[in-house]
């Protein structure tokens, strides 16, 4: 919605072919827009006055049909001002400027490495270490590496690929999912460090705590005895680059589109909750009952839903131990949006997401505690 649009189209004779488009624009204008002198549109292949009028009415726009056109009452100024508009543009901009450029190369790399046999190589080299620490084969190290470098949900995608190839058992894959799906340095340093606290140093500190917490969670989920089965080498044989690259690109594009869809959906959802008053009410109640500042409470409530929105809501907060701990918790938890993205990338496997949810909650809590302690010591 925009109050910069003011409705007034006294005659649409010269714009008859654009009448429906003008009607849609009029829905976001200030005041009423009258589209007239287009009675002939009723006798086209379909009634081009009634059809757009009925569709706009379904979205809550008031449209009065006239004998020679329609009168559209704009939404601007009726509780749908710019400050309350659902955040579709912000979500799309986030996808275009950060999600696609940062994730697409890593999704392609993840697929290529898996198809070219890197998990098998790491499995031979790192099995003693990963078995002792995490109770999984060395191939799982590739998932952890991609997770802490590429960001959400690269680790989950790598675990799903390893499960499909047979490099991990179902039980191992579920434990790996709990600690291999992580945020990457680009987001932590760029968005959290520089964007919120105006310091790349704080971003690097958050990243170090994030990786350390992932390792701790992996150790907590490790079986106390046994639980390790060696990789089935016959199922993870490498293919040629010419075979791997086309499939890697196709699967990466599908994955990025899925992730972008969830980012946009949750951005819009947050905007709707904000505009409806539900989110401000929740923030106010949380702040009052928990003794939190409103700014802090808003970042917490929005970050639980969508990580990028929550970190963005922290802008203006000082790098105190409490605020740094909040950022560490939100990044470790990932937001419900990341959980949905993870469910999408593991779809088609037999991996269950319960351990992932518990792992993300533990990761957030451990990260917050470590960050608070370090911030007080520095």
Protein backbone atom coordinates (compact mmCIF):
# COMPACT_ATOMS: atom_id res chain seq x y z
CA UNK A 1 0.00 0.00 0.00
CA UNK A 2 1.23 3.49 -0.66
CA UNK A 3 -0.12 6.87 0.29
CA UNK A 4 1.87 8.31 -2.62
CA UNK A 5 -0.79 7.07 -5.05
CA UNK A 6 -3.90 9.21 -5.32
CA UNK A 7 -6.87 7.83 -7.18
CA UNK A 8 -8.33 9.79 -10.08
CA UNK A 9 -8.80 8.45 -13.59
CA UNK A 10 -11.67 10.52 -15.05
CA UNK A 11 -11.62 8.73 -18.38
CA UNK A 12 -9.99 5.46 -19.46
CA UNK A 13 -10.93 5.55 -23.14
CA UNK A 14 -7.27 5.72 -24.16
CA UNK A 15 -6.30 3.08 -21.60
CA UNK A 16 -9.09 0.60 -22.14
CA UNK A 17 -6.70 -2.33 -22.51
CA UNK A 18 -5.10 -1.43 -19.18
CA UNK A 19 -8.30 -0.96 -17.20
CA UNK A 20 -7.77 -4.10 -15.12
CA UNK A 21 -4.17 -3.09 -14.34
CA UNK A 22 -5.29 0.41 -13.37
CA UNK A 23 -7.90 -1.15 -11.07
CA UNK A 24 -5.22 -3.15 -9.25
CA UNK A 25 -3.06 -0.03 -8.81
CA UNK A 26 -6.12 1.85 -7.60
CA UNK A 27 -6.54 -0.69 -4.80
CA UNK A 28 -3.28 0.65 -3.30
CA UNK A 29 -4.09 4.33 -3.80
CA UNK A 30 -5.26 7.00 -1.40
CA UNK A 31 -8.96 7.71 -1.90
CA UNK A 32 -11.27 6.43 -4.63
CA UNK A 33 -10.46 5.89 -8.29
CA UNK A 34 -13.19 6.06 -10.93
CA UNK A 35 -12.52 4.20 -14.17
CA UNK A 36 -15.08 5.35 -16.73
CA UNK A 37 -15.98 5.28 -20.44
CA UNK A 38 -15.06 1.60 -20.83
CA UNK A 39 -18.54 0.07 -21.09
CA UNK A 40 -17.43 -1.83 -24.20
CA UNK A 41 -15.18 -4.02 -22.01
CA UNK A 42 -18.26 -5.89 -20.82
CA UNK A 43 -18.78 -7.40 -24.28
CA UNK A 44 -15.27 -8.76 -24.88
CA UNK A 45 -14.36 -12.45 -24.60
CA UNK A 46 -15.35 -12.04 -20.96
CA UNK A 47 -16.78 -9.22 -18.87
CA UNK A 48 -13.56 -7.28 -18.20
CA UNK A 49 -15.25 -5.04 -15.68
CA UNK A 50 -16.98 -7.64 -13.52
CA UNK A 51 -14.05 -10.09 -13.51
CA UNK A 52 -11.39 -7.79 -11.99
CA UNK A 53 -13.97 -6.20 -9.71
CA UNK A 54 -14.95 -9.59 -8.27
CA UNK A 55 -11.33 -10.69 -7.82
CA UNK A 56 -10.38 -7.46 -6.05
CA UNK A 57 -13.40 -7.78 -3.80
CA UNK A 58 -12.12 -11.20 -2.67
CA UNK A 59 -9.01 -9.48 -1.27
CA UNK A 60 -11.03 -6.98 0.74
CA UNK A 61 -11.01 -4.08 -1.72
CA UNK A 62 -14.28 -2.18 -2.09
CA UNK A 63 -15.26 -2.01 -5.77
CA UNK A 64 -18.52 -0.53 -7.06
CA UNK A 65 -19.39 -1.58 -10.61
CA UNK A 66 -20.76 1.22 -12.79
CA UNK A 67 -22.55 1.08 -16.11
CA UNK A 68 -19.41 2.28 -17.92
CA UNK A 69 -16.64 1.19 -15.52
CA UNK A 70 -15.94 0.83 -11.81
CA UNK A 71 -15.17 2.81 -8.66
CA UNK A 72 -12.28 1.41 -6.63
CA UNK A 73 -11.77 2.51 -3.02
CA UNK A 74 -8.05 2.47 -2.20
CA UNK A 75 -6.70 0.65 0.83
CA UNK A 76 -4.11 3.32 1.68
CA UNK A 77 -5.08 5.11 4.85
CA UNK A 78 -7.33 2.25 6.01
CA UNK A 79 -4.88 0.50 8.33
CA UNK A 80 -2.67 -0.72 5.51
CA UNK A 81 -0.14 2.08 5.42
CA UNK A 82 3.47 1.62 4.49
CA UNK A 83 4.54 1.07 8.05
CA UNK A 84 2.13 -1.87 8.43
CA UNK A 85 2.29 -3.36 4.95
CA UNK A 86 3.17 -7.06 4.81
CA UNK A 87 6.86 -7.39 4.07
CA UNK A 88 6.70 -9.01 0.65
CA UNK A 89 9.19 -6.56 -0.93
CA UNK A 90 11.62 -7.00 1.96
CA UNK A 91 11.42 -10.78 1.63
CA UNK A 92 11.99 -10.65 -2.12
CA UNK A 93 14.92 -8.25 -1.71
CA UNK A 94 16.46 -10.51 0.92
CA UNK A 95 16.23 -13.47 -1.47
CA UNK A 96 17.68 -11.52 -4.39
CA UNK A 97 20.49 -9.84 -2.48
CA UNK A 98 21.53 -12.52 0.03
CA UNK A 99 19.77 -15.90 -0.20
CA UNK A 100 20.31 -16.70 -3.89
CA UNK A 101 23.88 -15.31 -4.25
CA UNK A 102 25.09 -16.94 -1.03
CA UNK A 103 23.29 -20.29 -1.14
CA UNK A 104 23.14 -21.25 -4.82
CA UNK A 105 26.93 -21.76 -5.24
CA UNK A 106 27.09 -23.80 -2.04
CA UNK A 107 24.11 -25.96 -3.01
CA UNK A 108 25.85 -26.70 -6.33
CA UNK A 109 29.11 -27.40 -4.49
CA UNK A 110 27.36 -29.68 -2.00
CA UNK A 111 25.86 -31.78 -4.77
CA UNK A 112 29.11 -31.89 -6.75
CA UNK A 113 31.21 -32.93 -3.77
CA UNK A 114 28.78 -35.69 -2.88
CA UNK A 115 28.59 -37.00 -6.43
CA UNK A 116 32.35 -36.75 -6.99
CA UNK A 117 33.07 -38.88 -3.93
CA UNK A 118 34.33 -36.42 -1.28
CA UNK A 119 32.26 -38.05 1.51
CA UNK A 120 34.02 -41.34 0.76
CA UNK A 121 37.45 -39.69 0.94
CA UNK A 122 36.63 -37.92 4.20
CA UNK A 123 35.16 -41.13 5.50
CA UNK A 124 38.48 -42.90 5.09
CA UNK A 125 40.46 -40.03 6.62
CA UNK A 126 38.22 -38.85 9.43
CA UNK A 127 36.30 -41.91 10.57
CA UNK A 128 38.35 -42.39 13.77
CA UNK A 129 37.78 -38.77 14.78
CA UNK A 130 34.10 -38.44 13.88
CA UNK A 131 33.31 -41.85 15.33
CA UNK A 132 34.87 -40.92 18.65
CA UNK A 133 33.34 -37.41 18.86
CA UNK A 134 29.95 -37.82 17.20
CA UNK A 135 29.36 -41.52 16.62
CA UNK A 136 29.01 -41.08 12.84
CA UNK A 137 31.16 -41.99 9.87
CA UNK A 138 33.78 -39.67 8.47
CA UNK A 139 31.50 -38.84 5.55
CA UNK A 140 29.44 -36.78 8.01
CA UNK A 141 32.36 -34.36 8.25
CA UNK A 142 31.46 -33.05 4.78
CA UNK A 143 27.98 -32.16 6.03
CA UNK A 144 29.39 -30.30 9.03
CA UNK A 145 31.91 -28.48 6.83
CA UNK A 146 29.25 -27.36 4.36
CA UNK A 147 26.92 -26.40 7.18
CA UNK A 148 29.36 -24.06 8.93
CA UNK A 149 30.57 -22.47 5.68
CA UNK A 150 27.45 -22.24 3.52
CA UNK A 151 24.80 -21.57 6.14
CA UNK A 152 21.22 -22.78 6.61
CA UNK A 153 20.03 -25.23 5.27
CA UNK A 154 23.20 -26.49 3.50
CA UNK A 155 24.08 -28.86 6.33
CA UNK A 156 20.64 -30.44 6.21
CA UNK A 157 20.86 -30.80 2.44
CA UNK A 158 24.26 -32.51 2.76
CA UNK A 159 22.94 -34.90 5.43
CA UNK A 160 19.96 -35.77 3.24
CA UNK A 161 22.27 -36.54 0.30
CA UNK A 162 24.46 -38.74 2.46
CA UNK A 163 21.42 -40.64 3.69
CA UNK A 164 20.13 -41.16 0.16
CA UNK A 165 23.52 -42.49 -0.91
CA UNK A 166 23.73 -44.85 2.04
CA UNK A 167 26.80 -43.18 3.55
CA UNK A 168 24.87 -42.64 6.80
CA UNK A 169 22.32 -44.84 8.51
CA UNK A 170 18.98 -43.29 9.42
CA UNK A 171 19.96 -43.01 13.08
CA UNK A 172 23.30 -41.42 12.21
CA UNK A 173 21.63 -39.00 9.79
CA UNK A 174 19.17 -37.84 12.43
CA UNK A 175 21.98 -37.21 14.90
CA UNK A 176 24.05 -35.47 12.23
CA UNK A 177 21.11 -33.25 11.35
CA UNK A 178 21.03 -32.01 14.95
CA UNK A 179 24.47 -30.36 14.70
CA UNK A 180 25.49 -30.16 11.02
CA UNK A 181 22.82 -27.65 9.97
CA UNK A 182 24.29 -24.25 10.88
CA UNK A 183 24.53 -20.60 9.95
CA UNK A 184 27.45 -19.44 7.82
CA UNK A 185 30.11 -16.75 8.28
CA UNK A 186 28.63 -14.44 5.62
CA UNK A 187 25.43 -13.96 7.64
CA UNK A 188 27.10 -13.90 11.04
CA UNK A 189 29.80 -11.39 10.13
CA UNK A 190 27.81 -9.34 7.62
CA UNK A 191 24.27 -9.22 9.01
CA UNK A 192 24.88 -9.75 12.74
CA UNK A 193 28.36 -8.35 13.29
CA UNK A 194 28.50 -5.37 10.94
CA UNK A 195 24.77 -4.87 10.40
CA UNK A 196 23.72 -4.90 14.06
CA UNK A 197 26.79 -4.25 16.20
CA UNK A 198 28.82 -2.33 13.59
CA UNK A 199 31.84 -4.57 14.10
CA UNK A 200 33.14 -7.51 12.09
CA UNK A 201 34.93 -8.58 15.27
CA UNK A 202 31.64 -9.27 17.04
CA UNK A 203 30.50 -11.20 13.99
CA UNK A 204 33.61 -13.39 14.09
CA UNK A 205 33.11 -13.93 17.82
CA UNK A 206 29.51 -15.00 17.21
CA UNK A 207 30.70 -17.32 14.45
CA UNK A 208 33.31 -18.95 16.68
CA UNK A 209 30.74 -19.51 19.42
CA UNK A 210 28.28 -20.86 16.86
CA UNK A 211 30.74 -23.47 15.52
CA UNK A 212 31.88 -24.44 19.02
CA UNK A 213 28.27 -24.93 20.09
CA UNK A 214 27.62 -27.12 17.04
CA UNK A 215 30.49 -29.40 18.06
CA UNK A 216 29.19 -29.54 21.65
CA UNK A 217 25.70 -30.46 20.46
CA UNK A 218 27.17 -33.17 18.25
CA UNK A 219 29.04 -34.63 21.21
CA UNK A 220 25.91 -34.52 23.37
CA UNK A 221 24.00 -36.50 20.73
CA UNK A 222 26.76 -39.09 20.30
CA UNK A 223 25.84 -42.62 21.49
CA UNK A 224 27.49 -43.65 24.73
CA UNK A 225 28.69 -46.92 23.22
CA UNK A 226 28.68 -48.37 19.73
CA UNK A 227 26.26 -46.85 17.28
CA UNK A 228 28.71 -46.70 14.40
CA UNK A 229 28.39 -48.53 11.13
CA UNK A 230 31.00 -48.08 8.37
CA UNK A 231 29.97 -46.50 5.09
CA UNK A 232 28.80 -48.77 2.34
CA UNK A 233 31.44 -47.90 -0.28
CA UNK A 234 29.47 -49.45 -3.10
CA UNK A 235 26.71 -46.86 -2.72
CA UNK A 236 28.87 -43.74 -2.72
CA UNK A 237 30.90 -44.34 -5.87
CA UNK A 238 31.95 -41.15 -7.65
CA UNK A 239 30.66 -40.11 -11.06
CA UNK A 240 32.28 -37.91 -13.69
CA UNK A 241 32.09 -34.12 -13.56
CA UNK A 242 30.13 -34.00 -16.85
CA UNK A 243 27.47 -36.20 -15.27
CA UNK A 244 27.47 -34.48 -11.89
CA UNK A 245 27.33 -30.81 -12.92
CA UNK A 246 23.91 -30.73 -14.70
CA UNK A 247 22.22 -32.58 -11.86
CA UNK A 248 23.98 -30.38 -9.30
CA UNK A 249 22.68 -27.21 -10.96
CA UNK A 250 19.12 -28.55 -11.30
CA UNK A 251 18.91 -29.72 -7.69
CA UNK A 252 20.53 -26.50 -6.42
CA UNK A 253 18.00 -24.29 -8.24
CA UNK A 254 15.11 -26.33 -6.83
CA UNK A 255 16.53 -26.09 -3.32
CA UNK A 256 17.15 -22.32 -3.50
CA UNK A 257 13.64 -21.69 -4.81
CA UNK A 258 12.23 -23.70 -1.90
CA UNK A 259 14.30 -21.79 0.64
CA UNK A 260 13.37 -18.45 -0.94
CA UNK A 261 9.72 -19.39 -0.83
CA UNK A 262 9.88 -19.98 2.92
CA UNK A 263 11.83 -16.75 3.50
CA UNK A 264 9.22 -14.70 1.62
CA UNK A 265 6.34 -16.55 3.32
CA UNK A 266 7.65 -15.88 6.81
CA UNK A 267 8.51 -12.27 5.97
CA UNK A 268 4.91 -11.72 4.87
CA UNK A 269 3.61 -13.63 7.89
CA UNK A 270 5.57 -11.39 10.23
CA UNK A 271 4.22 -8.32 8.45
CA UNK A 272 0.65 -9.58 8.75
CA UNK A 273 1.09 -10.31 12.46
CA UNK A 274 2.56 -6.85 12.90
CA UNK A 275 -0.24 -5.12 10.99
CA UNK A 276 -2.93 -7.08 12.82
CA UNK A 277 -1.59 -6.02 16.21
CA UNK A 278 -0.90 -9.58 17.36
CA UNK A 279 2.87 -9.23 17.24
CA UNK A 280 2.96 -5.89 19.12
CA UNK A 281 0.65 -7.40 21.75
CA UNK A 282 2.92 -10.43 22.14
CA UNK A 283 5.99 -8.21 22.37
CA UNK A 284 4.37 -6.01 25.01
CA UNK A 285 3.21 -8.96 27.08
CA UNK A 286 6.60 -10.66 26.89
CA UNK A 287 8.41 -7.48 27.85
CA UNK A 288 6.11 -6.87 30.83
CA UNK A 289 6.15 -10.42 32.20
CA UNK A 290 9.84 -11.12 31.62
CA UNK A 291 11.12 -7.65 32.45
CA UNK A 292 12.64 -7.11 29.00
CA UNK A 293 13.14 -3.96 26.99
CA UNK A 294 10.62 -3.63 24.16
CA UNK A 295 13.39 -3.54 21.53
CA UNK A 296 14.92 -6.73 22.94
CA UNK A 297 11.52 -8.44 23.23
CA UNK A 298 10.58 -7.59 19.64
CA UNK A 299 13.83 -9.03 18.29
CA UNK A 300 13.28 -12.20 20.33
CA UNK A 301 9.68 -12.69 19.19
CA UNK A 302 10.37 -12.04 15.51
CA UNK A 303 13.63 -14.03 15.52
CA UNK A 304 11.92 -17.12 16.87
CA UNK A 305 9.85 -17.07 13.68
CA UNK A 306 12.36 -15.84 11.08
CA UNK A 307 16.07 -15.43 11.73
CA UNK A 308 16.80 -12.60 9.27
CA UNK A 309 13.89 -10.51 10.54
CA UNK A 310 14.88 -11.06 14.16
CA UNK A 311 18.51 -10.08 13.62
CA UNK A 312 17.35 -7.07 11.61
CA UNK A 313 15.11 -6.06 14.52
CA UNK A 314 18.20 -5.91 16.75
CA UNK A 315 19.63 -2.93 14.87
CA UNK A 316 20.24 -0.13 17.34
CA UNK A 317 20.99 -2.40 20.30
CA UNK A 318 24.36 -1.99 21.98
CA UNK A 319 26.82 -4.94 22.07
CA UNK A 320 26.11 -5.75 25.71
CA UNK A 321 26.49 -9.32 27.00
CA UNK A 322 22.71 -9.74 27.02
CA UNK A 323 22.24 -8.49 23.47
CA UNK A 324 25.12 -10.59 22.15
CA UNK A 325 23.65 -13.61 23.91
CA UNK A 326 20.28 -12.91 22.25
CA UNK A 327 21.92 -12.80 18.82
CA UNK A 328 23.75 -16.06 19.55
CA UNK A 329 20.51 -17.73 20.65
CA UNK A 330 18.54 -16.62 17.59
CA UNK A 331 21.30 -17.74 15.22
CA UNK A 332 21.60 -21.09 16.98
CA UNK A 333 17.84 -21.67 17.00
CA UNK A 334 17.52 -20.60 13.35
CA UNK A 335 13.85 -19.63 13.46
CA UNK A 336 10.77 -21.62 12.47
CA UNK A 337 11.49 -20.64 8.86
CA UNK A 338 14.78 -22.56 8.91
CA UNK A 339 13.03 -25.56 10.45
CA UNK A 340 10.54 -25.53 7.57
CA UNK A 341 13.38 -25.21 5.06
CA UNK A 342 15.07 -28.19 6.68
CA UNK A 343 11.89 -30.26 6.51
CA UNK A 344 11.69 -29.44 2.79
CA UNK A 345 15.26 -30.52 1.97
CA UNK A 346 15.01 -33.82 3.87
CA UNK A 347 11.65 -34.66 2.30
CA UNK A 348 11.83 -37.96 0.45
CA UNK A 349 14.20 -39.51 3.01
CA UNK A 350 13.34 -41.49 6.14
CA UNK A 351 15.00 -38.86 8.36
CA UNK A 352 12.80 -37.54 11.17
CA UNK A 353 13.18 -33.93 12.29
CA UNK A 354 12.60 -34.33 16.05
CA UNK A 355 16.31 -34.46 16.89
CA UNK A 356 16.94 -31.47 14.65
CA UNK A 357 14.42 -29.41 16.62
CA UNK A 358 15.94 -30.42 19.96
CA UNK A 359 19.42 -29.86 18.58
CA UNK A 360 18.61 -26.34 17.41
CA UNK A 361 17.13 -25.46 20.81
CA UNK A 362 20.21 -26.83 22.57
CA UNK A 363 22.46 -25.03 20.10
CA UNK A 364 20.70 -21.74 20.80
CA UNK A 365 20.89 -22.17 24.58
CA UNK A 366 24.57 -23.24 24.58
CA UNK A 367 25.49 -20.42 22.19
CA UNK A 368 23.73 -17.84 24.35
CA UNK A 369 25.46 -19.09 27.51
CA UNK A 370 28.92 -19.18 25.90
CA UNK A 371 28.43 -15.76 24.35
CA UNK A 372 27.28 -14.20 27.60
CA UNK A 373 30.28 -15.62 29.48
CA UNK A 374 32.77 -14.51 26.82
CA UNK A 375 31.24 -11.03 26.52
CA UNK A 376 31.60 -10.54 30.27
CA UNK A 377 35.20 -11.67 30.17
CA UNK A 378 36.23 -9.45 27.24
